Amino acid sequence: MTAAAQSRRPLPRATLSVQIAERIREDILSGAHEPGAQLSEAELALSFGVSRGPLREAMQRLIQEGLLRSEPHHGVFVPDLTEHDLADVFFVRATIEAAAIRRIVAGPARGTVSRDLSGIADQMDRAMKAGDWSVGGELDFAFHRTLVDAAGSDRLSRTYATVQAETRLCLHRLMGGYRRSEDLADEHHRLARLIGTAPVADVLAELERHFGDPAETLRKMRAARVADTDANPS
């Protein structure tokens, strides 16, 4: 079989389900699927041109991530998140990251972790100064994911991946997108530096300051977006 022919072979089912999940994930985060909307297996399978098998695998993946909700005997729905959900997601994130920090600070590689995180914060700084909030937001996610992964616990990382997916949903549904603040990079630089040198209590205190009060953060982000809309009407 030629290389060209091999390249035209059907995708493995596992790969197909991953790609379908990514497309549905994008639609959920973009608002193409409204909060509370029920997703039809038949309609989605038809739109993707696939059988229901890989589609169900994709939807199950998204249910595990918290981006879809399964109701027995009723179907699968897009979650309709509330401010309580936002507070709960940030509570779990802070708890996981605090556990990761304790392990990192007690271990021999804290200096390496600090440098890795500082590098991400440098990239974030450049993105924010350029006004590229989307890239800056993705680097924010990468910073915290790198922090948790550095703890060396596969289970902690898997749990955190689910919470990060829910964080994305909260950001898009409740906050209207990524946080727009040039101070964001400075906060991450400070946290990275403390992870490398400070007592664990100081690092945890900085983590708590960084997360702050989710409800207050939500209020500020909404106010900032209203002001931005008023200043730049379409």
Protein backbone atom coordinates (compact mmCIF):
# COMPACT_ATOMS: atom_id res chain seq x y z
CA MET A 1 0.00 0.00 0.00
CA THR A 2 1.38 3.41 -0.96
CA ALA A 3 1.94 6.23 1.52
CA ALA A 4 -0.85 8.22 -0.15
CA ALA A 5 -3.25 5.32 0.15
CA GLN A 6 -2.30 4.80 3.77
CA SER A 7 -3.02 8.47 4.49
CA ARG A 8 -6.58 7.96 3.23
CA ARG A 9 -7.39 5.10 5.58
CA PRO A 10 -10.33 5.78 7.93
CA LEU A 11 -9.37 7.23 11.25
CA PRO A 12 -9.25 4.76 14.15
CA ARG A 13 -12.44 4.87 16.15
CA ALA A 14 -10.65 6.21 19.25
CA THR A 15 -9.18 9.08 17.22
CA LEU A 16 -12.56 9.80 15.65
CA SER A 17 -14.28 10.05 19.02
CA VAL A 18 -11.58 12.45 20.25
CA GLN A 19 -12.10 14.68 17.21
CA ILE A 20 -15.87 14.64 17.64
CA ALA A 21 -15.47 15.53 21.32
CA GLU A 22 -13.25 18.46 20.38
CA ARG A 23 -15.83 19.79 17.90
CA ILE A 24 -18.68 19.50 20.39
CA ARG A 25 -16.48 21.07 23.08
CA GLU A 26 -15.79 24.05 20.81
CA ASP A 27 -19.51 24.43 20.08
CA ILE A 28 -20.37 24.39 23.79
CA LEU A 29 -17.74 26.98 24.68
CA SER A 30 -18.64 29.21 21.73
CA GLY A 31 -22.31 29.21 22.67
CA ALA A 32 -23.48 27.27 19.60
CA HIS A 33 -25.14 24.91 22.08
CA GLU A 34 -27.08 27.02 24.57
CA PRO A 35 -27.09 26.31 28.33
CA GLY A 36 -29.80 23.78 29.11
CA ALA A 37 -30.04 22.58 25.51
CA GLN A 38 -30.54 18.88 24.91
CA LEU A 39 -28.16 17.29 22.41
CA SER A 40 -29.70 14.79 20.01
CA GLU A 41 -27.55 11.76 19.21
CA ALA A 42 -29.32 11.28 15.88
CA GLU A 43 -28.84 14.89 14.78
CA LEU A 44 -25.20 15.02 15.86
CA ALA A 45 -24.37 11.69 14.23
CA LEU A 46 -25.93 12.96 11.00
CA SER A 47 -24.10 16.29 11.15
CA PHE A 48 -20.73 14.60 11.71
CA GLY A 49 -21.43 11.80 9.25
CA VAL A 50 -20.61 9.10 11.80
CA SER A 51 -22.32 6.20 13.52
CA ARG A 52 -23.61 6.59 17.05
CA GLY A 53 -20.78 4.51 18.57
CA PRO A 54 -17.94 7.07 18.36
CA LEU A 55 -20.43 9.87 19.03
CA ARG A 56 -21.49 8.25 22.31
CA GLU A 57 -17.83 7.82 23.27
CA ALA A 58 -17.24 11.51 22.57
CA MET A 59 -20.26 12.56 24.61
CA GLN A 60 -19.21 10.33 27.49
CA ARG A 61 -15.81 12.04 27.48
CA LEU A 62 -17.50 15.44 27.72
CA ILE A 63 -19.78 14.23 30.51
CA GLN A 64 -16.69 13.20 32.45
CA GLU A 65 -15.22 16.66 31.84
CA GLY A 66 -18.35 18.34 33.15
CA LEU A 67 -19.16 19.99 29.82
CA LEU A 68 -22.27 17.85 29.36
CA ARG A 69 -24.77 16.47 31.86
CA SER A 70 -26.53 13.12 31.53
CA GLU A 71 -30.05 12.77 32.93
CA PRO A 72 -31.27 9.14 33.03
CA HIS A 73 -34.32 8.54 30.83
CA HIS A 74 -34.16 12.12 29.56
CA GLY A 75 -30.93 12.56 27.60
CA VAL A 76 -27.76 14.62 27.52
CA PHE A 77 -27.81 18.36 28.17
CA VAL A 78 -25.48 21.35 28.20
CA PRO A 79 -25.11 22.44 31.85
CA ASP A 80 -26.79 25.67 32.88
CA LEU A 81 -24.17 26.97 35.31
CA THR A 82 -24.78 29.32 38.22
CA GLU A 83 -22.58 31.51 40.38
CA HIS A 84 -22.64 28.68 42.94
CA ASP A 85 -21.08 26.40 40.31
CA LEU A 86 -18.40 29.01 39.68
CA ALA A 87 -17.53 29.23 43.37
CA ASP A 88 -17.45 25.44 43.68
CA VAL A 89 -15.17 25.02 40.65
CA PHE A 90 -12.71 27.57 42.00
CA PHE A 91 -12.84 25.94 45.45
CA VAL A 92 -11.87 22.58 43.96
CA ARG A 93 -9.17 24.14 41.79
CA ALA A 94 -7.63 25.90 44.77
CA THR A 95 -7.73 22.70 46.83
CA ILE A 96 -5.98 20.67 44.12
CA GLU A 97 -3.35 23.33 43.44
CA ALA A 98 -2.63 23.71 47.16
CA ALA A 99 -2.00 19.95 47.39
CA ALA A 100 0.31 20.15 44.39
CA ILE A 101 2.23 23.07 45.88
CA ARG A 102 2.79 21.23 49.14
CA ARG A 103 4.34 18.31 47.29
CA ILE A 104 6.43 20.50 44.98
CA VAL A 105 7.83 22.67 47.77
CA ALA A 106 8.74 19.57 49.80
CA GLY A 107 10.50 17.96 46.84
CA PRO A 108 13.90 18.39 45.19
CA ALA A 109 12.65 19.87 41.91
CA ARG A 110 10.98 23.05 43.14
CA GLY A 111 13.62 25.21 41.45
CA THR A 112 13.00 23.55 38.10
CA VAL A 113 9.25 23.88 38.50
CA SER A 114 9.67 27.56 39.39
CA ARG A 115 11.70 28.18 36.23
CA ASP A 116 9.20 26.36 34.04
CA LEU A 117 6.33 28.39 35.48
CA SER A 118 8.28 31.63 35.13
CA GLY A 119 8.78 30.85 31.44
CA ILE A 120 5.04 30.51 30.95
CA ALA A 121 4.46 33.75 32.88
CA ASP A 122 6.95 35.48 30.53
CA GLN A 123 4.92 34.34 27.53
CA MET A 124 1.75 35.49 29.26
CA ASP A 125 3.27 38.91 29.86
CA ARG A 126 4.08 39.32 26.17
CA ALA A 127 0.60 38.22 25.13
CA MET A 128 -1.13 40.57 27.57
CA LYS A 129 1.00 43.55 26.53
CA ALA A 130 0.11 42.80 22.91
CA GLY A 131 -3.57 42.71 23.84
CA ASP A 132 -3.86 39.06 22.83
CA TRP A 133 -6.20 38.08 25.65
CA SER A 134 -7.10 34.72 24.17
CA VAL A 135 -3.47 33.55 24.05
CA GLY A 136 -2.91 35.01 27.50
CA GLY A 137 -5.89 33.07 28.81
CA GLU A 138 -4.63 29.82 27.33
CA LEU A 139 -1.23 30.43 28.92
CA ASP A 140 -3.01 30.99 32.24
CA PHE A 141 -4.50 27.51 31.90
CA ALA A 142 -1.11 26.10 30.88
CA PHE A 143 0.55 27.65 33.95
CA HIS A 144 -1.83 26.04 36.40
CA ARG A 145 -1.88 22.72 34.54
CA THR A 146 1.94 22.66 34.60
CA LEU A 147 1.89 23.40 38.32
CA VAL A 148 -0.43 20.48 39.07
CA ASP A 149 1.37 18.09 36.71
CA ALA A 150 4.64 18.91 38.47
CA ALA A 151 3.31 17.23 41.61
CA GLY A 152 3.82 13.92 39.83
CA SER A 153 0.38 12.46 40.57
CA ASP A 154 -1.49 11.09 37.57
CA ARG A 155 -4.75 10.96 39.53
CA LEU A 156 -4.41 14.55 40.68
CA SER A 157 -3.71 15.64 37.10
CA ARG A 158 -6.70 13.72 35.74
CA THR A 159 -9.00 15.26 38.33
CA TYR A 160 -7.63 18.70 37.59
CA ALA A 161 -8.19 18.28 33.84
CA THR A 162 -11.90 17.87 34.53
CA VAL A 163 -11.98 20.95 36.73
CA GLN A 164 -10.12 22.99 34.12
CA ALA A 165 -12.71 22.04 31.51
CA GLU A 166 -15.46 23.23 33.85
CA THR A 167 -13.45 26.41 34.47
CA ARG A 168 -13.49 27.11 30.73
CA LEU A 169 -17.24 26.67 30.68
CA CYS A 170 -17.64 29.03 33.65
CA LEU A 171 -15.42 31.63 32.00
CA HIS A 172 -17.35 31.60 28.75
CA ARG A 173 -20.85 31.22 30.19
CA LEU A 174 -20.66 33.43 33.26
CA MET A 175 -17.70 35.74 32.71
CA GLY A 176 -17.84 36.29 28.96
CA GLY A 177 -14.31 35.07 28.27
CA TYR A 178 -10.80 35.33 29.61
CA ARG A 179 -9.81 37.82 32.26
CA ARG A 180 -8.43 40.97 30.65
CA SER A 181 -5.75 42.35 32.91
CA GLU A 182 -2.07 43.08 32.37
CA ASP A 183 -1.61 42.41 36.10
CA LEU A 184 -2.34 38.74 35.46
CA ALA A 185 1.20 37.98 34.32
CA ASP A 186 2.64 39.73 37.39
CA GLU A 187 0.51 37.54 39.65
CA HIS A 188 1.80 34.40 37.97
CA HIS A 189 5.40 35.61 38.08
CA ARG A 190 5.03 36.18 41.82
CA LEU A 191 3.53 32.75 42.40
CA ALA A 192 6.25 31.07 40.32
CA ARG A 193 8.98 32.88 42.24
CA LEU A 194 7.55 31.94 45.64
CA ILE A 195 7.25 28.29 44.61
CA GLY A 196 11.00 28.29 44.04
CA THR A 197 12.14 29.89 47.28
CA ALA A 198 9.46 30.66 49.87
CA PRO A 199 8.06 28.67 52.80
CA VAL A 200 5.00 26.67 51.84
CA ALA A 201 2.71 28.87 53.97
CA ASP A 202 3.72 31.93 51.95
CA VAL A 203 3.12 30.14 48.66
CA LEU A 204 -0.32 28.99 49.76
CA ALA A 205 -1.21 32.50 50.92
CA GLU A 206 -0.25 33.84 47.50
CA LEU A 207 -2.32 31.14 45.81
CA GLU A 208 -5.33 32.19 47.89
CA ARG A 209 -4.80 35.83 46.93
CA HIS A 210 -4.47 34.83 43.30
CA PHE A 211 -7.82 33.04 43.23
CA GLY A 212 -9.51 35.65 45.38
CA ASP A 213 -13.29 35.75 45.69
CA PRO A 214 -14.87 34.24 42.54
CA ALA A 215 -18.08 36.24 42.98
CA GLU A 216 -16.13 39.51 43.19
CA THR A 217 -14.01 38.50 40.20
CA LEU A 218 -17.18 37.79 38.24
CA ARG A 219 -18.62 41.19 39.14
CA LYS A 220 -15.44 43.01 38.06
CA MET A 221 -15.17 41.10 34.78
CA ARG A 222 -18.77 41.82 33.89
CA ALA A 223 -18.34 45.50 34.73
CA ALA A 224 -15.16 45.69 32.65
CA ARG A 225 -16.88 44.12 29.65
CA VAL A 226 -19.83 46.50 29.90
CA ALA A 227 -17.40 49.43 29.99
CA ASP A 228 -15.49 48.00 27.01
CA THR A 229 -18.73 47.59 25.05
CA ASP A 230 -19.81 51.15 25.86
CA ALA A 231 -16.41 52.50 24.79
CA ASN A 232 -16.30 50.42 21.60
CA PRO A 233 -19.88 49.96 20.35
CA SER A 234 -20.25 47.70 17.34
